[in-house]
Each structure stands twice: as structure tokens, then as C-alpha cells.
């Protein structure tokens, strides 16, 4: 154990004495969280919506069919109660709900005025605002069609309501995504470069002939970056709450635990990259290009996954950042508990075990 602690101390000294490494570890995360926290917009389509039809008459069914016929919406659930409505939003089953009041057709035909409630999931404010605008336009088209047919001044008003993010702040969506991107890039890149550096300098073989077990050498290289990543997580959360005004609605302990789990997953991925790379340049290229683009394009924080072709949606399931982004957004913004993120947590744990097993096997094979 004493030798193991000496190796950890040695790795800490390597990090502290390298100004470029320190800049990447602490400068890049702060810059990215501030830059991405204030901007960016998306277009949406094929969005999952639910219908709470308290009237279930001919008019409500006609409006539902018109919504489903558009390329923007897929009606995936007919909701039976308000409790089920809240549950559907919490689990992420739907992004928009259309609520028809009781006796809709009767009020529509006799009073010439009736109200439809549109409820959007505002954890992604730009998407929620766009969806409600699309739904409102479709309902207005239906209303204009009736006016042209009967020349009767029917009127339908829509009531907008944004859950979780009433002020439609973009930072609510991009802060969780930037957390995933920063931890993915920094942890994987630093870990992979650290081990490849030892191979290039010819010191890895010297280290492995020492009394310490090889697997402890690998873990000793992970520990400093794990601790520094924990500091990064704390700084990102502090900036999110006090600078970007992004609340932590759920359990802070659960959120930190999930962040640490994702950190371990990414460190294990960095070890896997190091086992396949022959130089620091190749390791950095794989870490930056090979991980940056999938994290940005396929995690769901910049572009809705529903917009992607089916093959890319399948590939997106292999990106750890996708599952972490879902976890952080649900805990921070929606305030849900572990019962709503256990599946994503198990997937990250499975990825961690897989990356570690493959990394250790390839590491031993290369140095035997």
C-alpha cells in the first residue's frame, strides 16, 4: 500500500508541474461552461407527445389526428389522468402534452370559445417553445378550416405552461450537456496521454518490473485525475447555480454520485484509448476528435436524438455522454430521484466494467 501511495504522489507531481495540463484540467471546463451556458438553438421534429382527452368527442379526436399527421409530432400516449401526465414528463416519455377540457365540443359549438392547454417540458426551453408554437399553429389551422366551411366565428384559445423552466433559460439545457462534454474530454484525454507518455519515454517497463502489481500502476494513474475531476465537478456546479442560475432541484448527493460514476467511466475509456495508442499525438487525436464529435452530435444536448436517422440513434446508445446527460438533466432540472435514473446508471456501470476489463487485458498483452 505504501508503494501504491508513492505512485499516486508521483502522478500528482506530474500534473502540478505541467502548466498545460493544469490549463486543460481547470481552464477549459470553466470556459466551456460559461460559453455554452448562454446560447444555441435547435429545430425539432418527430417529438413524442401525449394527449389528455377529458372530453373524447369528435372535435378533440379530429384535432388529435391533425397533430399526429404533422411531421413534428408522434402521439405516443393517451394519458388518463393528471397524475399519469406528471409521471410521463418525469420519465421522459413525452416532451409535450395536449389537454382537452371536459365537454370540449359542446363548449366549442355553443359558446364559440373553448380552451386547450399545451404543457411543454421546459428542461430544454428552446425545444419546448418551438413545440408549443408548432402545436398552436396546427390548432389554428384546424380552426380556420372550420371557419371556411361554416362561416361561424368559432374560437379556440391555447394556454401555455412550461414545466421545470418557466423562464425558458437556455442554460438549463446546455449546462448538463457541457458537464458531460467537459468530463468526457478532459478525463479521457488526460488519462490516455499520461500512460502513453510513460510508454514513449520507456519508463513503463521500468515501473512494471518494480514490486508493485501492474494493475495498481494503472489505478495509481487514475486516482489524481479522479480527484481533480471531482474539483471540476464542484466548480461546474457552483458556476451553474450562482452564475447561470440553474437550480439543483433533486438530491445533490445523488447528482455528485452520478458525476463521480461518469468520471470513472470516462477514465476507464481513457485507459482503453491508451492501450490502443502508440504516441501522445495519436492518443490526443483519438480523445479530441474521436470523443468530441460523438459527444456533441449524439448525446442529445445540442441536437435532439429524435431528429437523427435510425442507424445514428442506435450508435448514440454507445456514447456514455448520452446517458449521463439524461441523468444530470433529470436530477438537476426535473428533480427526480434514483427510481427514474436507475436504468441509465446501470448502463454507465456496465460500460465502466467493460472498458476496465478490455483496458487491463490489452495493457497486459502489450507489455508481457
Protein backbone atom coordinates (compact mmCIF):
# COMPACT_ATOMS: atom_id res chain seq x y z
CA UNK A 1 0.00 0.00 0.00
CA UNK A 2 2.87 2.38 0.77
CA UNK A 3 4.33 1.86 -2.72
CA UNK A 4 0.88 2.42 -4.20
CA UNK A 5 0.57 5.76 -2.39
CA UNK A 6 4.05 6.76 -3.63
CA UNK A 7 2.92 6.16 -7.22
CA UNK A 8 -0.17 8.31 -6.66
CA UNK A 9 2.03 11.07 -5.24
CA UNK A 10 4.32 10.82 -8.26
CA UNK A 11 1.36 11.26 -10.64
CA UNK A 12 0.11 14.26 -8.69
CA UNK A 13 3.52 15.89 -9.05
CA UNK A 14 3.49 15.24 -12.80
CA UNK A 15 0.16 17.05 -13.06
CA UNK A 16 1.00 20.03 -10.84
CA UNK A 17 4.33 20.68 -12.60
CA UNK A 18 2.78 20.74 -16.09
CA UNK A 19 1.13 24.12 -16.67
CA UNK A 20 -0.50 22.99 -19.92
CA UNK A 21 -2.14 20.08 -18.15
CA UNK A 22 -3.40 22.36 -15.41
CA UNK A 23 -4.82 24.74 -18.01
CA UNK A 24 -6.68 21.93 -19.75
CA UNK A 25 -7.95 20.49 -16.50
CA UNK A 26 -9.27 23.70 -14.97
CA UNK A 27 -9.29 26.40 -17.66
CA UNK A 28 -11.17 24.57 -20.41
CA UNK A 29 -14.09 23.41 -18.23
CA UNK A 30 -14.72 26.89 -16.85
CA UNK A 31 -14.60 28.49 -20.29
CA UNK A 32 -16.91 25.90 -21.85
CA UNK A 33 -19.48 26.02 -19.08
CA UNK A 34 -19.68 29.82 -19.37
CA UNK A 35 -19.72 29.96 -23.18
CA UNK A 36 -22.20 27.15 -23.82
CA UNK A 37 -24.38 28.16 -20.91
CA UNK A 38 -25.66 31.29 -22.63
CA UNK A 39 -26.57 30.26 -26.20
CA UNK A 40 -27.59 27.86 -29.00
CA UNK A 41 -30.98 26.84 -30.50
CA UNK A 42 -32.42 23.77 -32.27
CA UNK A 43 -35.15 22.71 -34.69
CA UNK A 44 -37.29 19.76 -33.65
CA UNK A 45 -39.40 17.06 -35.31
CA UNK A 46 -40.82 13.59 -34.57
CA UNK A 47 -41.36 14.68 -30.98
CA UNK A 48 -43.18 12.35 -28.59
CA UNK A 49 -46.38 13.93 -27.25
CA UNK A 50 -49.24 12.77 -25.04
CA UNK A 51 -52.96 13.53 -25.19
CA UNK A 52 -55.10 14.00 -22.07
CA UNK A 53 -58.60 14.00 -23.57
CA UNK A 54 -61.19 14.65 -20.84
CA UNK A 55 -63.93 15.03 -23.48
CA UNK A 56 -63.12 12.34 -26.08
CA UNK A 57 -65.54 13.68 -28.66
CA UNK A 58 -65.40 14.13 -32.42
CA UNK A 59 -63.72 17.53 -32.31
CA UNK A 60 -60.94 16.52 -29.92
CA UNK A 61 -60.24 13.40 -31.97
CA UNK A 62 -60.07 15.46 -35.16
CA UNK A 63 -57.52 17.85 -33.60
CA UNK A 64 -55.50 14.89 -32.30
CA UNK A 65 -55.41 13.35 -35.78
CA UNK A 66 -54.25 16.65 -37.24
CA UNK A 67 -51.44 16.90 -34.69
CA UNK A 68 -50.34 13.34 -35.36
CA UNK A 69 -50.45 13.88 -39.13
CA UNK A 70 -47.79 16.60 -38.93
CA UNK A 71 -44.10 15.74 -39.21
CA UNK A 72 -43.40 17.44 -35.91
CA UNK A 73 -45.31 15.16 -33.55
CA UNK A 74 -45.76 11.49 -32.74
CA UNK A 75 -48.64 10.78 -30.38
CA UNK A 76 -47.19 8.01 -28.22
CA UNK A 77 -49.52 8.06 -25.23
CA UNK A 78 -53.17 8.66 -24.44
CA UNK A 79 -52.98 9.92 -20.87
CA UNK A 80 -55.76 9.01 -18.45
CA UNK A 81 -55.16 11.37 -15.51
CA UNK A 82 -53.16 14.34 -14.25
CA UNK A 83 -51.01 12.04 -12.11
CA UNK A 84 -50.13 10.00 -15.18
CA UNK A 85 -49.34 13.24 -17.00
CA UNK A 86 -46.74 14.24 -14.40
CA UNK A 87 -45.25 10.72 -14.41
CA UNK A 88 -44.93 10.76 -18.22
CA UNK A 89 -42.95 14.01 -18.07
CA UNK A 90 -40.71 12.75 -15.27
CA UNK A 91 -39.81 9.56 -17.10
CA UNK A 92 -39.17 11.44 -20.35
CA UNK A 93 -41.87 9.52 -22.24
CA UNK A 94 -43.28 12.75 -23.71
CA UNK A 95 -42.00 16.25 -24.40
CA UNK A 96 -45.41 17.92 -24.88
CA UNK A 97 -48.91 17.27 -23.58
CA UNK A 98 -52.18 18.46 -25.10
CA UNK A 99 -55.01 18.69 -22.54
CA UNK A 100 -58.64 18.92 -23.69
CA UNK A 101 -61.18 20.05 -21.05
CA UNK A 102 -64.49 18.35 -20.29
CA UNK A 103 -67.37 18.87 -22.78
CA UNK A 104 -64.99 20.36 -25.32
CA UNK A 105 -67.22 20.00 -28.38
CA UNK A 106 -70.30 21.28 -26.55
CA UNK A 107 -68.50 24.44 -25.41
CA UNK A 108 -66.96 24.83 -28.84
CA UNK A 109 -70.27 24.65 -30.72
CA UNK A 110 -72.46 26.60 -28.31
CA UNK A 111 -70.16 29.12 -26.64
CA UNK A 112 -67.92 29.65 -29.70
CA UNK A 113 -64.98 29.73 -27.25
CA UNK A 114 -63.00 26.93 -25.68
CA UNK A 115 -59.51 26.49 -24.31
CA UNK A 116 -56.82 23.86 -24.92
CA UNK A 117 -53.87 23.56 -22.56
CA UNK A 118 -50.43 22.86 -24.00
CA UNK A 119 -47.86 21.69 -21.45
CA UNK A 120 -44.21 21.57 -22.51
CA UNK A 121 -41.13 20.03 -20.90
CA UNK A 122 -39.01 23.17 -20.48
CA UNK A 123 -35.85 21.42 -19.33
CA UNK A 124 -34.97 22.20 -22.95
CA UNK A 125 -36.56 25.65 -23.29
CA UNK A 126 -35.90 26.20 -26.99
CA UNK A 127 -37.43 22.86 -27.89
CA UNK A 128 -40.43 23.42 -25.59
CA UNK A 129 -41.11 26.87 -27.01
CA UNK A 130 -40.82 25.57 -30.58
CA UNK A 131 -43.13 22.63 -29.90
CA UNK A 132 -45.81 24.81 -28.37
CA UNK A 133 -45.62 27.20 -31.32
CA UNK A 134 -45.97 24.28 -33.75
CA UNK A 135 -48.94 22.83 -31.85
CA UNK A 136 -50.62 26.24 -31.61
CA UNK A 137 -50.22 26.75 -35.36
CA UNK A 138 -51.78 23.36 -36.14
CA UNK A 139 -54.74 24.08 -33.86
CA UNK A 140 -55.20 27.48 -35.52
CA UNK A 141 -55.17 25.81 -38.94
CA UNK A 142 -57.94 23.49 -37.78
CA UNK A 143 -59.92 26.48 -36.52
CA UNK A 144 -59.50 28.38 -39.80
CA UNK A 145 -60.68 25.31 -41.70
CA UNK A 146 -63.92 25.22 -39.72
CA UNK A 147 -64.49 28.93 -40.29
CA UNK A 148 -64.12 28.50 -44.03
CA UNK A 149 -66.59 25.61 -44.04
CA UNK A 150 -69.34 27.00 -41.81
CA UNK A 151 -68.64 30.71 -41.69
CA UNK A 152 -69.19 30.58 -37.91
CA UNK A 153 -66.85 32.53 -35.60
CA UNK A 154 -65.57 29.57 -33.61
CA UNK A 155 -62.61 30.37 -31.42
CA UNK A 156 -60.07 28.15 -29.66
CA UNK A 157 -57.59 29.63 -27.23
CA UNK A 158 -54.42 27.83 -26.16
CA UNK A 159 -52.97 28.16 -22.68
CA UNK A 160 -49.19 27.73 -22.49
CA UNK A 161 -47.43 26.30 -19.48
CA UNK A 162 -43.72 25.46 -19.21
CA UNK A 163 -42.69 22.83 -16.68
CA UNK A 164 -39.34 22.92 -14.86
CA UNK A 165 -38.08 26.05 -16.67
CA UNK A 166 -40.77 28.75 -16.83
CA UNK A 167 -38.29 31.46 -17.86
CA UNK A 168 -37.03 29.38 -20.83
CA UNK A 169 -33.35 29.80 -19.96
CA UNK A 170 -31.02 28.07 -22.40
CA UNK A 171 -28.54 27.29 -19.64
CA UNK A 172 -30.99 24.76 -18.18
CA UNK A 173 -30.35 22.51 -21.17
CA UNK A 174 -26.71 23.21 -22.01
CA UNK A 175 -25.17 23.08 -18.53
CA UNK A 176 -25.83 19.32 -18.18
CA UNK A 177 -24.53 18.79 -21.71
CA UNK A 178 -21.36 20.79 -21.12
CA UNK A 179 -20.75 18.83 -17.91
CA UNK A 180 -20.84 15.62 -19.93
CA UNK A 181 -18.60 17.04 -22.66
CA UNK A 182 -16.01 18.51 -20.28
CA UNK A 183 -15.67 15.39 -18.16
CA UNK A 184 -15.58 13.19 -21.25
CA UNK A 185 -12.81 15.13 -22.99
CA UNK A 186 -10.67 16.14 -20.03
CA UNK A 187 -10.68 12.82 -18.18
CA UNK A 188 -10.20 10.62 -21.22
CA UNK A 189 -7.52 12.81 -22.77
CA UNK A 190 -5.50 13.26 -19.61
CA UNK A 191 -5.58 9.57 -18.71
CA UNK A 192 -4.65 8.36 -22.16
CA UNK A 193 -1.78 10.83 -22.52
CA UNK A 194 -0.43 10.00 -19.07
CA UNK A 195 0.06 6.31 -19.82
CA UNK A 196 1.28 6.79 -23.39
CA UNK A 197 3.85 9.28 -22.10
CA UNK A 198 5.36 6.54 -19.94
CA UNK A 199 5.49 4.22 -22.94
CA UNK A 200 7.19 6.82 -25.15
CA UNK A 201 9.77 7.62 -22.51
CA UNK A 202 10.49 3.95 -21.92
CA UNK A 203 9.72 4.16 -18.22
CA UNK A 204 6.60 1.99 -18.23
CA UNK A 205 8.66 -1.20 -18.45
CA UNK A 206 10.85 0.05 -15.61
CA UNK A 207 7.78 0.71 -13.49
CA UNK A 208 6.33 -2.72 -14.20
CA UNK A 209 9.43 -4.57 -13.03
CA UNK A 210 9.05 -2.91 -9.62
CA UNK A 211 7.37 -4.89 -6.80
CA UNK A 212 4.05 -3.14 -7.35
CA UNK A 213 1.37 -5.05 -9.26
CA UNK A 214 0.77 -3.64 -12.79
CA UNK A 215 -2.93 -3.07 -12.20
CA UNK A 216 -2.05 -0.82 -9.26
CA UNK A 217 0.12 1.25 -11.58
CA UNK A 218 -2.90 1.82 -13.80
CA UNK A 219 -5.16 2.70 -10.87
CA UNK A 220 -2.49 5.00 -9.42
CA UNK A 221 -2.54 6.96 -12.68
CA UNK A 222 -6.33 7.26 -12.50
CA UNK A 223 -6.56 8.47 -8.90
CA UNK A 224 -5.10 12.00 -9.38
CA UNK A 225 -7.36 12.72 -12.35
CA UNK A 226 -10.35 11.35 -10.46
CA UNK A 227 -9.67 13.73 -7.57
CA UNK A 228 -9.05 16.69 -9.90
CA UNK A 229 -12.22 15.85 -11.81
CA UNK A 230 -14.12 15.98 -8.53
CA UNK A 231 -12.80 19.55 -8.11
CA UNK A 232 -14.01 20.30 -11.65
CA UNK A 233 -17.44 18.91 -10.83
CA UNK A 234 -17.67 21.16 -7.78
CA UNK A 235 -16.63 24.25 -9.76
CA UNK A 236 -19.10 23.48 -12.57
CA UNK A 237 -21.98 23.04 -10.13
CA UNK A 238 -21.08 26.27 -8.31
CA UNK A 239 -20.95 28.20 -11.61
CA UNK A 240 -24.23 26.63 -12.69
CA UNK A 241 -26.07 27.64 -9.55
CA UNK A 242 -24.57 31.05 -8.77
CA UNK A 243 -23.64 32.39 -12.22
CA UNK A 244 -26.06 30.73 -14.64
CA UNK A 245 -28.94 30.44 -12.14
CA UNK A 246 -29.50 26.77 -12.92
CA UNK A 247 -31.13 25.15 -9.87
CA UNK A 248 -30.44 21.72 -8.44
CA UNK A 249 -33.99 20.52 -7.91
CA UNK A 250 -33.07 16.95 -6.98
CA UNK A 251 -30.69 15.36 -4.50
CA UNK A 252 -27.22 16.94 -4.50
CA UNK A 253 -25.74 13.72 -3.10
CA UNK A 254 -27.26 11.66 -5.93
CA UNK A 255 -26.09 14.19 -8.52
CA UNK A 256 -22.50 14.16 -7.24
CA UNK A 257 -22.51 10.35 -7.06
CA UNK A 258 -23.66 10.12 -10.69
CA UNK A 259 -20.97 12.62 -11.74
CA UNK A 260 -18.29 10.56 -10.00
CA UNK A 261 -19.60 7.39 -11.65
CA UNK A 262 -19.38 9.04 -15.07
CA UNK A 263 -15.86 10.22 -14.24
CA UNK A 264 -14.79 6.65 -13.53
CA UNK A 265 -16.43 5.53 -16.77
CA UNK A 266 -14.51 8.10 -18.78
CA UNK A 267 -11.21 7.38 -17.01
CA UNK A 268 -11.66 3.73 -17.91
CA UNK A 269 -12.31 4.80 -21.51
CA UNK A 270 -9.08 6.81 -21.40
CA UNK A 271 -7.21 3.69 -20.33
CA UNK A 272 -8.70 1.85 -23.29
CA UNK A 273 -7.51 4.59 -25.65
CA UNK A 274 -4.03 4.46 -24.14
CA UNK A 275 -3.81 0.75 -24.74
CA UNK A 276 -4.54 1.27 -28.43
CA UNK A 277 -2.37 4.37 -29.00
CA UNK A 278 1.37 4.31 -29.72
CA UNK A 279 2.06 8.01 -29.14
CA UNK A 280 0.74 11.02 -27.29
CA UNK A 281 -0.31 12.64 -30.57
CA UNK A 282 -2.44 9.66 -31.54
CA UNK A 283 -3.95 9.46 -28.05
CA UNK A 284 -4.86 13.17 -28.12
CA UNK A 285 -6.31 12.87 -31.62
CA UNK A 286 -8.50 9.95 -30.58
CA UNK A 287 -9.55 11.71 -27.38
CA UNK A 288 -10.38 15.03 -29.03
CA UNK A 289 -11.81 14.03 -32.41
CA UNK A 290 -13.00 10.53 -31.60
CA UNK A 291 -14.86 11.59 -28.46
CA UNK A 292 -15.73 15.25 -29.05
CA UNK A 293 -17.90 14.77 -32.14
CA UNK A 294 -19.96 11.84 -30.79
CA UNK A 295 -20.45 13.69 -27.50
CA UNK A 296 -21.69 16.85 -29.23
CA UNK A 297 -23.69 15.21 -32.02
CA UNK A 298 -25.09 12.09 -30.38
CA UNK A 299 -25.60 12.90 -26.70
CA UNK A 300 -28.79 14.90 -27.27
CA UNK A 301 -27.76 18.16 -25.64
CA UNK A 302 -27.23 20.11 -28.87
CA UNK A 303 -29.36 18.20 -31.35
CA UNK A 304 -32.46 16.13 -30.45
CA UNK A 305 -31.75 12.43 -30.93
CA UNK A 306 -35.25 12.02 -32.41
CA UNK A 307 -34.07 14.03 -35.44
CA UNK A 308 -31.30 11.55 -36.27
CA UNK A 309 -31.61 8.66 -38.72
CA UNK A 310 -32.26 5.27 -37.13
CA UNK A 311 -28.64 3.99 -37.54
CA UNK A 312 -27.29 7.06 -35.71
CA UNK A 313 -29.86 6.64 -32.96
CA UNK A 314 -28.55 3.12 -32.41
CA UNK A 315 -24.95 4.36 -32.36
CA UNK A 316 -25.92 7.08 -29.87
CA UNK A 317 -26.67 4.39 -27.31
CA UNK A 318 -22.94 3.56 -27.27
CA UNK A 319 -21.99 7.12 -26.24
CA UNK A 320 -21.63 7.36 -22.44
CA UNK A 321 -22.36 11.09 -22.51
CA UNK A 322 -25.89 10.44 -23.75
CA UNK A 323 -26.82 8.52 -20.61
CA UNK A 324 -25.03 10.95 -18.29
CA UNK A 325 -26.74 13.94 -19.93
CA UNK A 326 -30.13 12.31 -19.31
CA UNK A 327 -29.23 11.62 -15.68
CA UNK A 328 -27.99 15.14 -14.93
CA UNK A 329 -30.91 16.86 -16.64
CA UNK A 330 -33.44 14.71 -14.81
CA UNK A 331 -31.85 15.25 -11.39
CA UNK A 332 -30.91 18.93 -11.72
CA UNK A 333 -33.90 20.27 -13.61
CA UNK A 334 -36.75 17.81 -13.08
CA UNK A 335 -35.80 16.95 -9.51
CA UNK A 336 -36.41 13.21 -9.88
CA UNK A 337 -34.90 10.53 -7.67
CA UNK A 338 -32.88 7.40 -8.32
CA UNK A 339 -36.01 5.47 -9.31
CA UNK A 340 -36.13 7.47 -12.55
CA UNK A 341 -32.42 7.20 -13.47
CA UNK A 342 -31.54 3.66 -12.37
CA UNK A 343 -31.52 2.33 -15.94
CA UNK A 344 -29.03 4.94 -17.15
CA UNK A 345 -26.93 4.36 -14.03
CA UNK A 346 -26.73 0.62 -14.69
CA UNK A 347 -25.72 1.29 -18.30
CA UNK A 348 -22.86 3.53 -17.17
CA UNK A 349 -21.75 0.93 -14.64
CA UNK A 350 -21.79 -1.72 -17.35
CA UNK A 351 -19.73 0.48 -19.66
CA UNK A 352 -17.23 1.11 -16.86
CA UNK A 353 -16.73 -2.59 -16.20
CA UNK A 354 -16.38 -3.31 -19.91
CA UNK A 355 -13.84 -0.54 -20.51
CA UNK A 356 -11.80 -1.59 -17.49
CA UNK A 357 -11.73 -5.27 -18.44
CA UNK A 358 -10.73 -4.60 -22.04
CA UNK A 359 -8.13 -2.00 -20.98
CA UNK A 360 -6.47 -4.33 -18.48
CA UNK A 361 -6.41 -7.20 -20.94
CA UNK A 362 -4.87 -5.16 -23.74
CA UNK A 363 -2.48 -3.44 -21.33
CA UNK A 364 -1.09 -6.77 -20.15
CA UNK A 365 -0.89 -8.17 -23.66
CA UNK A 366 1.23 -5.29 -24.86
CA UNK A 367 3.72 -5.38 -22.01
CA UNK A 368 4.21 -9.11 -21.48
